[in-house]
N, C-alpha and C. Protein backbone atom coordinates (compact mmCIF):
# COMPACT_ATOMS: atom_id res chain seq x y z
N UNK A 1 -7.56 2.40 12.19
CA UNK A 1 -8.40 1.81 12.00
C UNK A 1 -8.00 0.70 11.09
N UNK A 2 -8.18 -0.51 11.46
CA UNK A 2 -7.64 -1.44 9.80
C UNK A 2 -8.76 -1.64 8.87
N UNK A 3 -8.39 -3.23 7.66
CA UNK A 3 -9.21 -2.87 7.11
C UNK A 3 -10.37 -3.97 7.46
N UNK A 4 -11.59 -3.24 7.06
CA UNK A 4 -12.47 -4.36 6.54
C UNK A 4 -12.66 -5.30 5.91
N UNK A 5 -12.97 -6.53 6.63
CA UNK A 5 -12.75 -8.40 6.40
C UNK A 5 -13.98 -8.33 6.23
N UNK A 6 -14.12 -9.25 5.38
CA UNK A 6 -14.98 -10.24 5.26
C UNK A 6 -15.61 -11.61 6.58
N UNK A 7 -16.40 -11.26 6.84
CA UNK A 7 -16.91 -12.69 8.25
C UNK A 7 -16.40 -13.51 7.37
N UNK A 8 -15.51 -14.40 8.30
CA UNK A 8 -14.19 -16.08 8.49
C UNK A 8 -13.79 -15.99 7.49
N UNK A 9 -13.09 -15.34 7.10
CA UNK A 9 -12.42 -14.46 6.06
C UNK A 9 -10.33 -15.26 6.25
N UNK A 10 -10.83 -14.91 7.54
CA UNK A 10 -9.12 -15.53 8.03
C UNK A 10 -9.65 -16.73 8.28
N UNK A 11 -10.90 -18.00 8.28
CA UNK A 11 -11.24 -18.99 8.39
C UNK A 11 -10.18 -20.30 6.76
N UNK A 12 -11.07 -19.11 6.04
CA UNK A 12 -11.58 -20.15 4.40
C UNK A 12 -10.22 -19.34 3.22
N UNK A 13 -9.61 -19.96 2.44
CA UNK A 13 -8.85 -19.29 1.70
C UNK A 13 -9.85 -18.47 0.63
N UNK A 14 -10.52 -19.05 0.30
CA UNK A 14 -11.43 -18.73 -0.70
C UNK A 14 -12.28 -17.62 -0.78
N UNK A 15 -12.26 -16.93 0.61
CA UNK A 15 -12.53 -15.77 1.49
C UNK A 15 -11.14 -14.95 1.70
N UNK A 16 -10.04 -15.34 0.88
CA UNK A 16 -8.96 -14.26 0.90
C UNK A 16 -8.24 -14.51 2.43
N UNK A 17 -7.80 -15.69 3.37
CA UNK A 17 -6.56 -16.23 3.41
C UNK A 17 -5.29 -16.27 3.01
N UNK A 18 -4.56 -15.15 3.60
CA UNK A 18 -3.22 -15.62 2.29
C UNK A 18 -3.09 -14.36 0.99
N UNK A 19 -4.58 -14.25 0.62
CA UNK A 19 -4.78 -13.89 -0.89
C UNK A 19 -5.74 -12.28 -0.26
N UNK A 20 -4.80 -11.86 -0.65
CA UNK A 20 -4.79 -9.73 -0.76
C UNK A 20 -5.88 -9.02 -1.77
N UNK A 21 -6.22 -9.99 -2.74
CA UNK A 21 -6.84 -9.89 -3.71
C UNK A 21 -8.60 -10.33 -3.65
N UNK A 22 -8.77 -11.24 -2.76
CA UNK A 22 -9.82 -12.00 -2.49
C UNK A 22 -10.16 -10.80 -1.41
N UNK A 23 -9.41 -10.59 -0.19
CA UNK A 23 -9.37 -10.19 1.48
C UNK A 23 -10.88 -8.58 0.91
N UNK A 24 -12.20 -8.74 0.56
CA UNK A 24 -12.87 -7.85 0.18
C UNK A 24 -13.72 -7.34 0.91
N UNK A 25 -14.70 -6.37 1.36
CA UNK A 25 -15.89 -6.06 2.22
C UNK A 25 -17.03 -6.83 1.26
N UNK A 26 -17.58 -7.76 2.12
CA UNK A 26 -18.84 -8.06 1.94
C UNK A 26 -19.84 -8.08 3.20
N UNK A 27 -20.90 -7.45 3.46
CA UNK A 27 -21.62 -7.38 4.31
C UNK A 27 -22.67 -8.53 5.22
N UNK A 28 -22.46 -8.78 5.62
CA UNK A 28 -23.30 -9.72 6.74
C UNK A 28 -24.70 -9.77 6.61
N UNK A 29 -25.31 -10.62 5.79
CA UNK A 29 -26.47 -11.20 5.63
C UNK A 29 -27.32 -12.14 6.38
N UNK A 30 -26.67 -12.74 7.02
CA UNK A 30 -26.92 -13.85 6.90
C UNK A 30 -28.38 -13.54 8.50
N UNK A 31 -29.21 -14.26 8.87
CA UNK A 31 -29.69 -14.89 10.05
C UNK A 31 -29.66 -14.56 11.05
N UNK A 32 -28.28 -15.28 11.03
CA UNK A 32 -27.94 -15.23 13.03
C UNK A 32 -26.45 -15.26 12.81
N UNK A 33 -26.38 -14.10 12.23
CA UNK A 33 -24.48 -13.55 12.11
C UNK A 33 -24.34 -13.05 12.34
N UNK A 34 -24.06 -13.61 13.60
CA UNK A 34 -23.14 -12.32 14.90
C UNK A 34 -22.97 -11.02 14.65
N UNK A 35 -22.02 -10.80 13.57
CA UNK A 35 -21.10 -9.52 13.17
C UNK A 35 -22.03 -8.72 12.56
N UNK A 36 -23.48 -9.26 12.11
CA UNK A 36 -24.82 -8.54 11.62
C UNK A 36 -25.60 -8.19 12.69
N UNK A 37 -25.20 -8.76 13.89
CA UNK A 37 -25.83 -8.02 15.40
C UNK A 37 -25.29 -7.32 15.84
N UNK A 38 -24.06 -6.87 15.43
CA UNK A 38 -23.02 -6.34 16.09
C UNK A 38 -22.76 -6.94 17.00
N UNK A 39 -22.18 -8.20 17.62
CA UNK A 39 -22.30 -8.42 18.83
C UNK A 39 -20.80 -8.46 19.53
N UNK A 40 -20.03 -8.09 20.44
CA UNK A 40 -19.26 -7.87 21.09
C UNK A 40 -18.10 -8.79 21.26
N UNK A 41 -17.32 -8.49 20.70
CA UNK A 41 -15.56 -9.55 19.83
C UNK A 41 -16.23 -10.18 18.74
N UNK A 42 -17.05 -9.17 17.86
CA UNK A 42 -16.77 -9.82 16.46
C UNK A 42 -16.12 -8.08 15.47
N UNK A 43 -15.75 -8.79 14.89
CA UNK A 43 -15.05 -7.60 14.12
C UNK A 43 -16.24 -6.23 13.44
N UNK A 44 -15.99 -5.05 13.58
CA UNK A 44 -17.01 -4.01 13.23
C UNK A 44 -17.22 -4.03 11.66
N UNK A 45 -18.40 -3.40 11.60
CA UNK A 45 -18.81 -3.32 10.48
C UNK A 45 -18.61 -2.21 9.81
N UNK A 46 -19.03 -1.87 8.32
CA UNK A 46 -18.61 -0.67 8.05
C UNK A 46 -19.51 0.02 8.27
N UNK A 47 -19.45 1.18 8.83
CA UNK A 47 -20.02 2.34 9.12
C UNK A 47 -19.99 4.06 8.68
N UNK A 48 -20.73 4.78 8.95
CA UNK A 48 -20.82 6.18 8.58
C UNK A 48 -20.07 6.75 9.86
N UNK A 49 -18.53 7.13 9.98
CA UNK A 49 -17.57 7.71 10.93
C UNK A 49 -17.02 7.31 10.70
N UNK A 50 -16.12 6.11 10.08
CA UNK A 50 -15.19 5.75 9.97
C UNK A 50 -13.66 6.48 9.45
N UNK A 51 -14.74 7.03 8.51
CA UNK A 51 -14.29 7.64 7.45
C UNK A 51 -12.73 8.45 7.86
N UNK A 52 -11.84 9.13 7.18
CA UNK A 52 -10.63 9.81 7.67
C UNK A 52 -11.04 11.61 6.92
N UNK A 53 -10.64 12.90 7.94
CA UNK A 53 -10.73 13.46 7.49
C UNK A 53 -10.62 13.99 6.03
N UNK A 54 -10.78 15.45 5.24
CA UNK A 54 -10.42 15.39 4.36
C UNK A 54 -9.22 15.63 4.46
N UNK A 55 -8.38 16.19 5.27
CA UNK A 55 -6.87 17.24 5.03
C UNK A 55 -6.90 15.54 5.20
N UNK A 56 -6.33 14.43 6.14
CA UNK A 56 -5.67 13.46 6.23
C UNK A 56 -6.02 12.13 5.29
N UNK A 57 -6.96 12.58 4.17
CA UNK A 57 -7.41 11.69 3.32
C UNK A 57 -6.27 11.40 2.12
N UNK A 58 -5.99 11.73 1.25
CA UNK A 58 -5.04 11.82 0.60
C UNK A 58 -3.26 11.60 1.13
N UNK A 59 -3.14 11.71 2.09
CA UNK A 59 -1.92 11.38 2.85
C UNK A 59 -1.75 10.24 3.23
N UNK A 60 0.09 9.64 3.25
CA UNK A 60 0.74 8.71 3.19
C UNK A 60 0.97 9.14 4.18
N UNK A 61 0.99 8.24 5.49
CA UNK A 61 1.89 8.05 6.91
C UNK A 61 2.29 10.23 7.03
N UNK A 62 0.80 10.56 7.17
CA UNK A 62 0.70 11.99 7.16
C UNK A 62 1.60 13.10 6.27
N UNK A 63 2.05 12.32 5.67
CA UNK A 63 2.42 13.67 4.40
C UNK A 63 2.13 13.30 3.29
N UNK A 64 2.13 14.12 1.97
CA UNK A 64 1.47 14.24 0.74
C UNK A 64 2.90 13.57 0.14
N UNK A 65 1.84 12.97 -0.69
CA UNK A 65 2.93 12.03 -2.14
C UNK A 65 2.85 12.19 -2.69
N UNK A 66 3.85 12.26 -3.57
CA UNK A 66 4.19 12.36 -5.48
C UNK A 66 4.77 11.52 -6.01
N UNK A 67 3.66 11.06 -7.02
CA UNK A 67 3.96 10.06 -7.76
C UNK A 67 5.31 10.39 -9.24
N UNK A 68 6.10 9.60 -9.10
CA UNK A 68 7.22 9.42 -9.33
C UNK A 68 7.30 8.30 -10.71
N UNK A 69 7.38 8.73 -11.68
CA UNK A 69 7.59 8.19 -13.41
C UNK A 69 8.66 8.14 -14.14
N UNK A 70 9.54 9.10 -13.37
CA UNK A 70 10.88 9.46 -13.98
C UNK A 70 11.38 10.61 -13.33
N UNK A 71 12.85 10.02 -13.82
CA UNK A 71 14.12 10.79 -12.94
C UNK A 71 13.80 12.07 -12.83
N UNK A 72 12.91 13.32 -14.00
CA UNK A 72 12.54 14.28 -14.22
C UNK A 72 11.05 14.83 -12.48
N UNK A 73 10.81 14.21 -12.55
CA UNK A 73 9.68 13.39 -11.81
C UNK A 73 10.93 13.88 -10.15
N UNK A 74 11.36 13.02 -10.15
CA UNK A 74 11.98 13.14 -8.94
C UNK A 74 12.77 14.01 -8.37
N UNK A 75 13.62 14.76 -9.39
CA UNK A 75 14.33 16.13 -8.80
C UNK A 75 13.74 17.06 -8.64
N UNK A 76 12.28 17.22 -8.70
CA UNK A 76 11.41 17.84 -8.95
C UNK A 76 11.00 17.70 -7.38
N UNK A 77 10.65 17.08 -7.03
CA UNK A 77 10.21 16.59 -5.66
C UNK A 77 10.48 17.44 -4.43
N UNK A 78 9.71 18.26 -3.79
CA UNK A 78 10.03 19.58 -2.57
C UNK A 78 10.37 17.82 -0.83
N UNK A 79 10.51 19.10 -0.31
CA UNK A 79 10.98 18.14 1.41
C UNK A 79 9.64 18.75 1.28
N UNK A 80 9.58 17.41 2.45
CA UNK A 80 8.49 17.05 3.24
C UNK A 80 7.44 16.24 3.25
N UNK A 81 7.99 15.84 1.43
CA UNK A 81 6.80 14.72 0.79
C UNK A 81 7.24 13.46 0.16
N UNK A 82 6.58 12.34 0.19
CA UNK A 82 6.95 11.16 0.21
C UNK A 82 6.75 10.39 -1.32
N UNK A 83 7.63 9.83 -1.64
CA UNK A 83 7.79 9.81 -3.40
C UNK A 83 6.61 8.21 -2.91
N UNK A 84 6.01 7.78 -4.48
CA UNK A 84 5.27 6.71 -4.85
C UNK A 84 5.90 6.02 -6.14
N UNK A 85 6.55 5.43 -6.64
CA UNK A 85 6.54 4.80 -7.64
C UNK A 85 5.60 4.31 -8.53
N UNK A 86 5.44 5.34 -9.74
CA UNK A 86 4.14 4.62 -10.51
C UNK A 86 4.56 3.53 -11.18
N UNK A 87 4.21 3.07 -12.21
CA UNK A 87 4.10 1.71 -13.01
C UNK A 87 4.69 1.41 -14.28
N UNK A 88 6.25 1.53 -13.11
CA UNK A 88 7.49 1.62 -14.75
C UNK A 88 8.02 0.26 -14.50
N UNK A 89 8.63 0.22 -15.95
CA UNK A 89 9.29 -1.23 -16.30
C UNK A 89 11.03 -1.45 -15.10
N UNK A 90 10.48 -2.85 -14.92
CA UNK A 90 11.85 -3.04 -14.13
C UNK A 90 13.30 -1.67 -14.24
N UNK A 91 13.66 -1.50 -15.73
CA UNK A 91 14.59 -1.16 -15.77
C UNK A 91 14.81 0.35 -15.17
N UNK A 92 13.59 1.06 -15.08
CA UNK A 92 13.57 2.51 -15.18
C UNK A 92 13.26 2.46 -13.26
N UNK A 93 12.85 1.41 -13.18
CA UNK A 93 12.34 1.58 -12.18
C UNK A 93 13.92 1.06 -10.60
N UNK A 94 15.03 0.80 -11.37
CA UNK A 94 16.52 0.40 -10.84
C UNK A 94 17.12 2.21 -10.68
N UNK A 95 16.68 2.52 -11.43
CA UNK A 95 17.16 3.42 -12.02
C UNK A 95 16.74 4.74 -10.64
N UNK A 96 15.13 4.57 -10.67
CA UNK A 96 14.38 5.28 -9.90
C UNK A 96 15.22 5.22 -8.74
N UNK A 97 14.87 4.38 -8.33
CA UNK A 97 15.38 3.72 -6.63
C UNK A 97 17.57 4.17 -6.63
N UNK A 98 18.01 3.36 -7.37
CA UNK A 98 19.59 3.98 -7.17
C UNK A 98 19.29 5.61 -6.99
N UNK A 99 18.42 6.74 -7.38
CA UNK A 99 18.51 8.07 -8.17
C UNK A 99 18.17 8.93 -6.18
N UNK A 100 17.21 7.92 -5.91
CA UNK A 100 16.44 8.03 -4.59
C UNK A 100 17.00 7.55 -3.38
N UNK A 101 17.78 6.84 -3.63
CA UNK A 101 19.44 6.48 -2.47
C UNK A 101 20.41 7.82 -2.33
N UNK A 102 21.09 7.84 -3.71
CA UNK A 102 21.77 9.09 -3.87
C UNK A 102 21.13 10.56 -3.15
N UNK A 103 20.09 10.97 -2.94
CA UNK A 103 19.38 12.03 -2.52
C UNK A 103 18.64 11.62 -1.41
N UNK A 104 18.68 10.45 -0.63
CA UNK A 104 18.13 10.51 0.66
C UNK A 104 16.44 11.00 0.47
N UNK A 105 15.87 10.40 -1.06
CA UNK A 105 14.37 10.19 -0.50
C UNK A 105 14.09 9.07 -0.01
N UNK A 106 12.86 8.88 0.84
CA UNK A 106 12.05 8.48 1.10
C UNK A 106 11.06 7.64 0.04
N UNK A 107 10.92 6.27 -0.54
CA UNK A 107 9.63 5.43 -0.88
C UNK A 107 8.90 4.99 -0.66
N UNK A 108 7.94 4.92 -0.89
CA UNK A 108 6.77 4.58 -0.02
C UNK A 108 6.46 3.17 0.05
N UNK A 109 6.57 2.61 -1.89
CA UNK A 109 6.35 1.32 -2.01
C UNK A 109 6.93 0.27 -2.43
N UNK A 110 8.65 0.61 -2.89
CA UNK A 110 9.56 -0.13 -2.44
C UNK A 110 10.99 0.31 -1.35
N UNK A 111 11.27 -1.07 -0.85
CA UNK A 111 12.54 -0.90 0.42
C UNK A 111 13.75 -0.81 -0.90
N UNK A 112 14.22 0.18 -0.64
CA UNK A 112 15.26 0.42 -1.38
C UNK A 112 16.73 -0.69 -1.32
N UNK A 113 17.18 -0.93 0.06
CA UNK A 113 17.89 -1.62 0.26
C UNK A 113 17.75 -2.81 -0.02
N UNK A 114 16.58 -4.00 -0.10
CA UNK A 114 16.08 -5.16 -0.37
C UNK A 114 15.93 -5.36 -2.25
N UNK A 115 15.16 -4.49 -2.38
CA UNK A 115 15.28 -4.37 -3.54
C UNK A 115 16.47 -4.15 -4.54
N UNK A 116 17.43 -3.28 -4.23
CA UNK A 116 18.94 -3.37 -4.92
C UNK A 116 19.42 -4.29 -4.94
N UNK A 117 19.45 -5.14 -3.85
CA UNK A 117 20.03 -6.65 -3.30
C UNK A 117 18.93 -7.45 -3.92
N UNK A 118 18.00 -7.84 -4.57
CA UNK A 118 17.25 -8.87 -5.48
C UNK A 118 18.04 -8.10 -6.50
N UNK A 119 17.99 -7.41 -6.82
CA UNK A 119 18.11 -6.94 -8.61
C UNK A 119 19.81 -6.74 -9.35
N UNK A 120 20.82 -6.64 -7.77
CA UNK A 120 22.35 -6.69 -8.10
C UNK A 120 22.26 -7.49 -9.58
N UNK A 121 22.07 -8.87 -9.83
CA UNK A 121 22.25 -9.19 -11.40
C UNK A 121 21.79 -7.65 -12.49
N UNK A 122 21.08 -7.74 -12.20
CA UNK A 122 20.35 -6.72 -13.25
C UNK A 122 21.21 -5.19 -12.90
N UNK A 123 21.68 -4.75 -12.38
CA UNK A 123 22.44 -4.14 -12.31
C UNK A 123 23.80 -4.24 -13.04
N UNK A 124 24.35 -5.02 -13.06
CA UNK A 124 26.17 -5.74 -13.39
C UNK A 124 25.38 -6.24 -14.86
N UNK A 125 24.33 -6.49 -15.14
CA UNK A 125 24.02 -6.27 -16.77
C UNK A 125 24.81 -5.37 -17.16
N UNK A 126 23.92 -3.84 -16.76
CA UNK A 126 23.69 -2.89 -17.11
C UNK A 126 24.71 -2.45 -17.22
N UNK A 127 25.74 -2.51 -16.55
CA UNK A 127 27.44 -1.81 -16.25
C UNK A 127 27.88 -2.22 -17.84
């Protein structure tokens, strides 16, 4: 199931077109609103029954996640879990990504190769 989006959010920039923060659910309340009437061909409304099961709710890509804030957390990580780097600074994030690449740990919220390529200058300054 995809994201529940507001009606016409794809048409108007103020409703979230190319602006993820503005793409929020608002219940359609208009008198002639086709989405409120649940007409065929219109996006679905939020309803009971679309929620995930308790077992799947806290998982990412079917695996349990671990929040990583420092290198110790990365070293303690078990197999079969997926790492999510928390709110850390750029310098520490670079260290964590390098260590994850060495240990062959997959990161959920960072593309390792792309991140290291973009921050090549910061890596050289550090040395």
